[in-house]
Amino acid sequence: MAFATVVIHGAIHQAGIEATVLRAVGMLIGFGVLGFMLGNVAENVVDESVRAKMAQELARRAAENPEVPANAVAKA
């Protein structure tokens, strides 16, 4: 999307092809890096949320069945 936006902008403003392509490639790389970083942050947020919910569920099950060992609850 960044590449296409820069190319369209260059065409509208009648910019040179070399400068437009160079800027478009730069934006493509920049947005790729940004997407990679935001994707990693999102992945970490989801992982932490799932781990917290699993720990909460395991604690709830352990509280419901105190006579069952904790490792048996984790296997359920």
PDB file of N, CA and C in Angstrom:
ATOM      1  N   MET A   1       0.826  -1.175   0.000  1.00  0.00           N
ATOM      2  CA  MET A   1       0.000   0.000   0.000  1.00  0.00           C
ATOM      3  C   MET A   1       0.881   1.253   0.000  1.00  0.00           C
ATOM      4  N   ALA A   2       1.955   1.228   0.774  1.00  0.00           N
ATOM      5  CA  ALA A   2       2.850   2.386   0.818  1.00  0.00           C
ATOM      6  C   ALA A   2       3.488   2.608  -0.542  1.00  0.00           C
ATOM      7  N   PHE A   3       3.905   1.533  -1.190  1.00  0.00           N
ATOM      8  CA  PHE A   3       4.533   1.629  -2.506  1.00  0.00           C
ATOM      9  C   PHE A   3       3.562   2.240  -3.501  1.00  0.00           C
ATOM     10  N   ALA A   4       2.341   1.726  -3.530  1.00  0.00           N
ATOM     11  CA  ALA A   4       1.336   2.225  -4.473  1.00  0.00           C
ATOM     12  C   ALA A   4       0.996   3.683  -4.197  1.00  0.00           C
ATOM     13  N   THR A   5       0.913   4.063  -2.946  1.00  0.00           N
ATOM     14  CA  THR A   5       0.595   5.450  -2.592  1.00  0.00           C
ATOM     15  C   THR A   5       1.675   6.401  -3.097  1.00  0.00           C
ATOM     16  N   VAL A   6       2.929   6.033  -2.911  1.00  0.00           N
ATOM     17  CA  VAL A   6       4.025   6.893  -3.364  1.00  0.00           C
ATOM     18  C   VAL A   6       4.056   6.967  -4.886  1.00  0.00           C
ATOM     19  N   VAL A   7       3.818   5.856  -5.559  1.00  0.00           N
ATOM     20  CA  VAL A   7       3.807   5.864  -7.030  1.00  0.00           C
ATOM     21  C   VAL A   7       2.671   6.743  -7.545  1.00  0.00           C
ATOM     22  N   ILE A   8       1.500   6.634  -6.962  1.00  0.00           N
ATOM     23  CA  ILE A   8       0.366   7.471  -7.382  1.00  0.00           C
ATOM     24  C   ILE A   8       0.666   8.939  -7.096  1.00  0.00           C
ATOM     25  N   HIS A   9       1.241   9.214  -5.935  1.00  0.00           N
ATOM     26  CA  HIS A   9       1.609  10.595  -5.598  1.00  0.00           C
ATOM     27  C   HIS A   9       2.607  11.139  -6.617  1.00  0.00           C
ATOM     28  N   GLY A  10       3.592  10.340  -6.976  1.00  0.00           N
ATOM     29  CA  GLY A  10       4.580  10.757  -7.970  1.00  0.00           C
ATOM     30  C   GLY A  10       3.954  11.005  -9.327  1.00  0.00           C
ATOM     31  N   ALA A  11       2.991  10.173  -9.711  1.00  0.00           N
ATOM     32  CA  ALA A  11       2.320  10.350 -11.001  1.00  0.00           C
ATOM     33  C   ALA A  11       1.472  11.619 -11.007  1.00  0.00           C
ATOM     34  N   ILE A  12       0.788  11.881  -9.917  1.00  0.00           N
ATOM     35  CA  ILE A  12      -0.059  13.080  -9.840  1.00  0.00           C
ATOM     36  C   ILE A  12       0.792  14.342  -9.916  1.00  0.00           C
ATOM     37  N   HIS A  13       1.924  14.335  -9.236  1.00  0.00           N
ATOM     38  CA  HIS A  13       2.781  15.521  -9.190  1.00  0.00           C
ATOM     39  C   HIS A  13       3.860  15.502 -10.270  1.00  0.00           C
ATOM     40  N   GLN A  14       3.784  14.568 -11.174  1.00  0.00           N
ATOM     41  CA  GLN A  14       4.702  14.437 -12.305  1.00  0.00           C
ATOM     42  C   GLN A  14       6.168  14.434 -11.860  1.00  0.00           C
ATOM     43  N   ALA A  15       6.451  13.659 -10.842  1.00  0.00           N
ATOM     44  CA  ALA A  15       7.818  13.522 -10.345  1.00  0.00           C
ATOM     45  C   ALA A  15       8.590  12.572 -11.255  1.00  0.00           C
ATOM     46  N   GLY A  16       9.899  12.626 -11.172  1.00  0.00           N
ATOM     47  CA  GLY A  16      10.734  11.744 -11.974  1.00  0.00           C
ATOM     48  C   GLY A  16      10.569  10.293 -11.567  1.00  0.00           C
ATOM     49  N   ILE A  17      10.750   9.402 -12.519  1.00  0.00           N
ATOM     50  CA  ILE A  17      10.548   7.970 -12.264  1.00  0.00           C
ATOM     51  C   ILE A  17      11.553   7.447 -11.240  1.00  0.00           C
ATOM     52  N   GLU A  18      12.830   7.813 -11.413  1.00  0.00           N
ATOM     53  CA  GLU A  18      13.859   7.302 -10.509  1.00  0.00           C
ATOM     54  C   GLU A  18      13.606   7.736  -9.068  1.00  0.00           C
ATOM     55  N   ALA A  19      13.301   9.009  -8.890  1.00  0.00           N
ATOM     56  CA  ALA A  19      13.056   9.518  -7.536  1.00  0.00           C
ATOM     57  C   ALA A  19      11.803   8.879  -6.936  1.00  0.00           C
ATOM     58  N   THR A  20      10.776   8.710  -7.754  1.00  0.00           N
ATOM     59  CA  THR A  20       9.527   8.122  -7.265  1.00  0.00           C
ATOM     60  C   THR A  20       9.735   6.672  -6.845  1.00  0.00           C
ATOM     61  N   VAL A  21      10.429   5.904  -7.674  1.00  0.00           N
ATOM     62  CA  VAL A  21      10.665   4.492  -7.353  1.00  0.00           C
ATOM     63  C   VAL A  21      11.565   4.367  -6.124  1.00  0.00           C
ATOM     64  N   LEU A  22      12.581   5.218  -6.036  1.00  0.00           N
ATOM     65  CA  LEU A  22      13.470   5.181  -4.875  1.00  0.00           C
ATOM     66  C   LEU A  22      12.694   5.494  -3.597  1.00  0.00           C
ATOM     67  N   ARG A  23      11.861   6.512  -3.645  1.00  0.00           N
ATOM     68  CA  ARG A  23      11.041   6.865  -2.479  1.00  0.00           C
ATOM     69  C   ARG A  23      10.054   5.739  -2.167  1.00  0.00           C
ATOM     70  N   ALA A  24       9.465   5.144  -3.198  1.00  0.00           N
ATOM     71  CA  ALA A  24       8.493   4.066  -2.995  1.00  0.00           C
ATOM     72  C   ALA A  24       9.151   2.851  -2.345  1.00  0.00           C
ATOM     73  N   VAL A  25      10.348   2.511  -2.799  1.00  0.00           N
ATOM     74  CA  VAL A  25      11.058   1.375  -2.204  1.00  0.00           C
ATOM     75  C   VAL A  25      11.424   1.681  -0.751  1.00  0.00           C
ATOM     76  N   GLY A  26      11.844   2.909  -0.487  1.00  0.00           N
ATOM     77  CA  GLY A  26      12.148   3.308   0.887  1.00  0.00           C
ATOM     78  C   GLY A  26      10.935   3.193   1.792  1.00  0.00           C
ATOM     79  N   MET A  27       9.797   3.657   1.302  1.00  0.00           N
ATOM     80  CA  MET A  27       8.568   3.560   2.090  1.00  0.00           C
ATOM     81  C   MET A  27       8.148   2.103   2.264  1.00  0.00           C
ATOM     82  N   LEU A  28       8.342   1.303   1.229  1.00  0.00           N
ATOM     83  CA  LEU A  28       8.013  -0.118   1.311  1.00  0.00           C
ATOM     84  C   LEU A  28       8.829  -0.786   2.420  1.00  0.00           C
ATOM     85  N   ILE A  29      10.113  -0.499   2.452  1.00  0.00           N
ATOM     86  CA  ILE A  29      10.980  -1.076   3.485  1.00  0.00           C
ATOM     87  C   ILE A  29      10.591  -0.540   4.865  1.00  0.00           C
ATOM     88  N   GLY A  30      10.349   0.762   4.939  1.00  0.00           N
ATOM     89  CA  GLY A  30       9.963   1.369   6.216  1.00  0.00           C
ATOM     90  C   GLY A  30       8.679   0.785   6.776  1.00  0.00           C
ATOM     91  N   PHE A  31       7.676   0.651   5.920  1.00  0.00           N
ATOM     92  CA  PHE A  31       6.411   0.088   6.385  1.00  0.00           C
ATOM     93  C   PHE A  31       6.553  -1.399   6.698  1.00  0.00           C
ATOM     94  N   GLY A  32       7.438  -2.082   5.987  1.00  0.00           N
ATOM     95  CA  GLY A  32       7.690  -3.491   6.299  1.00  0.00           C
ATOM     96  C   GLY A  32       8.286  -3.657   7.685  1.00  0.00           C
ATOM     97  N   VAL A  33       9.258  -2.812   8.011  1.00  0.00           N
ATOM     98  CA  VAL A  33       9.879  -2.850   9.340  1.00  0.00           C
ATOM     99  C   VAL A  33       8.851  -2.490  10.409  1.00  0.00           C
ATOM    100  N   LEU A  34       8.065  -1.448  10.156  1.00  0.00           N
ATOM    101  CA  LEU A  34       7.031  -1.044  11.108  1.00  0.00           C
ATOM    102  C   LEU A  34       6.016  -2.169  11.329  1.00  0.00           C
ATOM    103  N   GLY A  35       5.590  -2.803  10.250  1.00  0.00           N
ATOM    104  CA  GLY A  35       4.648  -3.915  10.358  1.00  0.00           C
ATOM    105  C   GLY A  35       5.226  -5.088  11.133  1.00  0.00           C
ATOM    106  N   PHE A  36       6.500  -5.363  10.906  1.00  0.00           N
ATOM    107  CA  PHE A  36       7.176  -6.438  11.634  1.00  0.00           C
ATOM    108  C   PHE A  36       7.193  -6.147  13.136  1.00  0.00           C
ATOM    109  N   MET A  37       7.544  -4.910  13.491  1.00  0.00           N
ATOM    110  CA  MET A  37       7.609  -4.539  14.905  1.00  0.00           C
ATOM    111  C   MET A  37       6.229  -4.566  15.548  1.00  0.00           C
ATOM    112  N   LEU A  38       5.235  -4.007  14.890  1.00  0.00           N
ATOM    113  CA  LEU A  38       3.881  -4.014  15.448  1.00  0.00           C
ATOM    114  C   LEU A  38       3.325  -5.432  15.532  1.00  0.00           C
ATOM    115  N   GLY A  39       3.661  -6.271  14.564  1.00  0.00           N
ATOM    116  CA  GLY A  39       3.232  -7.666  14.603  1.00  0.00           C
ATOM    117  C   GLY A  39       3.819  -8.403  15.796  1.00  0.00           C
ATOM    118  N   ASN A  40       5.083  -8.141  16.089  1.00  0.00           N
ATOM    119  CA  ASN A  40       5.705  -8.769  17.259  1.00  0.00           C
ATOM    120  C   ASN A  40       5.065  -8.301  18.555  1.00  0.00           C
ATOM    121  N   VAL A  41       4.761  -7.013  18.639  1.00  0.00           N
ATOM    122  CA  VAL A  41       4.097  -6.489  19.835  1.00  0.00           C
ATOM    123  C   VAL A  41       2.723  -7.145  19.993  1.00  0.00           C
ATOM    124  N   ALA A  42       1.970  -7.225  18.904  1.00  0.00           N
ATOM    125  CA  ALA A  42       0.637  -7.844  18.957  1.00  0.00           C
ATOM    126  C   ALA A  42       0.735  -9.312  19.358  1.00  0.00           C
ATOM    127  N   GLU A  43       1.718 -10.016  18.823  1.00  0.00           N
ATOM    128  CA  GLU A  43       1.899 -11.426  19.176  1.00  0.00           C
ATOM    129  C   GLU A  43       2.184 -11.582  20.670  1.00  0.00           C
ATOM    130  N   ASN A  44       3.032 -10.711  21.210  1.00  0.00           N
ATOM    131  CA  ASN A  44       3.347 -10.777  22.643  1.00  0.00           C
ATOM    132  C   ASN A  44       2.127 -10.473  23.496  1.00  0.00           C
ATOM    133  N   VAL A  45       1.322  -9.510  23.082  1.00  0.00           N
ATOM    134  CA  VAL A  45       0.112  -9.167  23.836  1.00  0.00           C
ATOM    135  C   VAL A  45      -0.846 -10.353  23.863  1.00  0.00           C
ATOM    136  N   VAL A  46      -1.038 -10.990  22.715  1.00  0.00           N
ATOM    137  CA  VAL A  46      -1.944 -12.141  22.644  1.00  0.00           C
ATOM    138  C   VAL A  46      -1.395 -13.298  23.470  1.00  0.00           C
ATOM    139  N   ASP A  47      -0.104 -13.573  23.363  1.00  0.00           N
ATOM    140  CA  ASP A  47       0.501 -14.658  24.147  1.00  0.00           C
ATOM    141  C   ASP A  47       0.327 -14.433  25.645  1.00  0.00           C
ATOM    142  N   GLU A  48       0.595 -13.218  26.099  1.00  0.00           N
ATOM    143  CA  GLU A  48       0.449 -12.916  27.525  1.00  0.00           C
ATOM    144  C   GLU A  48      -1.001 -13.051  27.973  1.00  0.00           C
ATOM    145  N   SER A  49      -1.924 -12.630  27.134  1.00  0.00           N
ATOM    146  CA  SER A  49      -3.345 -12.735  27.473  1.00  0.00           C
ATOM    147  C   SER A  49      -3.767 -14.194  27.592  1.00  0.00           C
ATOM    148  N   VAL A  50      -3.341 -15.017  26.652  1.00  0.00           N
ATOM    149  CA  VAL A  50      -3.693 -16.440  26.681  1.00  0.00           C
ATOM    150  C   VAL A  50      -3.069 -17.107  27.901  1.00  0.00           C
ATOM    151  N   ARG A  51      -1.822 -16.789  28.191  1.00  0.00           N
ATOM    152  CA  ARG A  51      -1.167 -17.385  29.364  1.00  0.00           C
ATOM    153  C   ARG A  51      -1.874 -16.982  30.653  1.00  0.00           C
ATOM    154  N   ALA A  52      -2.283 -15.715  30.745  1.00  0.00           N
ATOM    155  CA  ALA A  52      -2.981 -15.251  31.948  1.00  0.00           C
ATOM    156  C   ALA A  52      -4.322 -15.960  32.097  1.00  0.00           C
ATOM    157  N   LYS A  53      -5.053 -16.125  30.996  1.00  0.00           N
ATOM    158  CA  LYS A  53      -6.348 -16.812  31.060  1.00  0.00           C
ATOM    159  C   LYS A  53      -6.165 -18.283  31.422  1.00  0.00           C
ATOM    160  N   MET A  54      -5.131 -18.911  30.876  1.00  0.00           N
ATOM    161  CA  MET A  54      -4.869 -20.312  31.214  1.00  0.00           C
ATOM    162  C   MET A  54      -4.505 -20.454  32.688  1.00  0.00           C
ATOM    163  N   ALA A  55      -3.670 -19.565  33.196  1.00  0.00           N
ATOM    164  CA  ALA A  55      -3.296 -19.619  34.610  1.00  0.00           C
ATOM    165  C   ALA A  55      -4.517 -19.399  35.496  1.00  0.00           C
ATOM    166  N   GLN A  56      -5.374 -18.478  35.090  1.00  0.00           N
ATOM    167  CA  GLN A  56      -6.598 -18.214  35.850  1.00  0.00           C
ATOM    168  C   GLN A  56      -7.507 -19.443  35.848  1.00  0.00           C
ATOM    169  N   GLU A  57      -7.648 -20.081  34.696  1.00  0.00           N
ATOM    170  CA  GLU A  57      -8.497 -21.273  34.597  1.00  0.00           C
ATOM    171  C   GLU A  57      -7.918 -22.427  35.410  1.00  0.00           C
ATOM    172  N   LEU A  58      -6.605 -22.612  35.349  1.00  0.00           N
ATOM    173  CA  LEU A  58      -5.975 -23.673  36.139  1.00  0.00           C
ATOM    174  C   LEU A  58      -6.131 -23.412  37.631  1.00  0.00           C
ATOM    175  N   ALA A  59      -6.010 -22.162  38.041  1.00  0.00           N
ATOM    176  CA  ALA A  59      -6.197 -21.822  39.456  1.00  0.00           C
ATOM    177  C   ALA A  59      -7.638 -22.074  39.879  1.00  0.00           C
ATOM    178  N   ARG A  60      -8.589 -21.753  39.006  1.00  0.00           N
ATOM    179  CA  ARG A  60     -10.001 -21.993  39.319  1.00  0.00           C
ATOM    180  C   ARG A  60     -10.265 -23.483  39.469  1.00  0.00           C
ATOM    181  N   ARG A  61      -9.717 -24.286  38.556  1.00  0.00           N
ATOM    182  CA  ARG A  61      -9.921 -25.737  38.633  1.00  0.00           C
ATOM    183  C   ARG A  61      -9.260 -26.324  39.873  1.00  0.00           C
ATOM    184  N   ALA A  62      -8.088 -25.816  40.216  1.00  0.00           N
ATOM    185  CA  ALA A  62      -7.396 -26.304  41.412  1.00  0.00           C
ATOM    186  C   ALA A  62      -8.187 -25.953  42.667  1.00  0.00           C
ATOM    187  N   ALA A  63      -8.827 -24.796  42.676  1.00  0.00           N
ATOM    188  CA  ALA A  63      -9.636 -24.393  43.832  1.00  0.00           C
ATOM    189  C   ALA A  63     -10.897 -25.243  43.936  1.00  0.00           C
ATOM    190  N   GLU A  64     -11.447 -25.668  42.811  1.00  0.00           N
ATOM    191  CA  GLU A  64     -12.651 -26.504  42.815  1.00  0.00           C
ATOM    192  C   GLU A  64     -12.346 -27.923  43.272  1.00  0.00           C
ATOM    193  N   ASN A  65     -11.153 -28.420  42.972  1.00  0.00           N
ATOM    194  CA  ASN A  65     -10.764 -29.790  43.310  1.00  0.00           C
ATOM    195  C   ASN A  65      -9.481 -29.771  44.138  1.00  0.00           C
ATOM    196  N   PRO A  66      -9.536 -29.400  45.406  1.00  0.00           N
ATOM    197  CA  PRO A  66      -8.303 -29.287  46.198  1.00  0.00           C
ATOM    198  C   PRO A  66      -7.621 -30.630  46.455  1.00  0.00           C
ATOM    199  N   GLU A  67      -8.354 -31.741  46.381  1.00  0.00           N
ATOM    200  CA  GLU A  67      -7.734 -33.042  46.643  1.00  0.00           C
ATOM    201  C   GLU A  67      -6.950 -33.568  45.440  1.00  0.00           C
ATOM    202  N   VAL A  68      -7.161 -32.982  44.264  1.00  0.00           N
ATOM    203  CA  VAL A  68      -6.447 -33.415  43.058  1.00  0.00           C
ATOM    204  C   VAL A  68      -5.121 -32.664  42.992  1.00  0.00           C
ATOM    205  N   PRO A  69      -4.001 -33.375  42.751  1.00  0.00           N
ATOM    206  CA  PRO A  69      -2.705 -32.686  42.643  1.00  0.00           C
ATOM    207  C   PRO A  69      -2.725 -31.645  41.516  1.00  0.00           C
ATOM    208  N   ALA A  70      -1.927 -30.615  41.672  1.00  0.00           N
ATOM    209  CA  ALA A  70      -1.912 -29.507  40.704  1.00  0.00           C
ATOM    210  C   ALA A  70      -1.503 -29.976  39.316  1.00  0.00           C
ATOM    211  N   ASN A  71      -0.558 -30.932  39.241  1.00  0.00           N
ATOM    212  CA  ASN A  71      -0.136 -31.383  37.915  1.00  0.00           C
ATOM    213  C   ASN A  71      -1.220 -32.201  37.226  1.00  0.00           C
ATOM    214  N   ALA A  72      -2.100 -32.833  37.975  1.00  0.00           N
ATOM    215  CA  ALA A  72      -3.215 -33.568  37.365  1.00  0.00           C
ATOM    216  C   ALA A  72      -4.237 -32.594  36.797  1.00  0.00           C
ATOM    217  N   VAL A  73      -4.427 -31.463  37.460  1.00  0.00           N
ATOM    218  CA  VAL A  73      -5.359 -30.447  36.957  1.00  0.00           C
ATOM    219  C   VAL A  73      -4.818 -29.856  35.671  1.00  0.00           C
ATOM    220  N   ALA A  74      -3.511 -29.652  35.610  1.00  0.00           N
ATOM    221  CA  ALA A  74      -2.907 -29.065  34.415  1.00  0.00           C
ATOM    222  C   ALA A  74      -3.061 -29.981  33.208  1.00  0.00           C
ATOM    223  N   LYS A  75      -3.116 -31.300  33.430  1.00  0.00           N
ATOM    224  CA  LYS A  75      -3.264 -32.244  32.327  1.00  0.00           C
ATOM    225  C   LYS A  75      -4.693 -32.333  31.827  1.00  0.00           C
ATOM    226  N   ALA A  76      -5.651 -31.883  32.599  1.00  0.00           N
ATOM    227  CA  ALA A  76      -7.072 -31.995  32.232  1.00  0.00           C
ATOM    228  C   ALA A  76      -7.439 -31.112  31.075  1.00  0.00           C
TER     229      ALA A  76
END
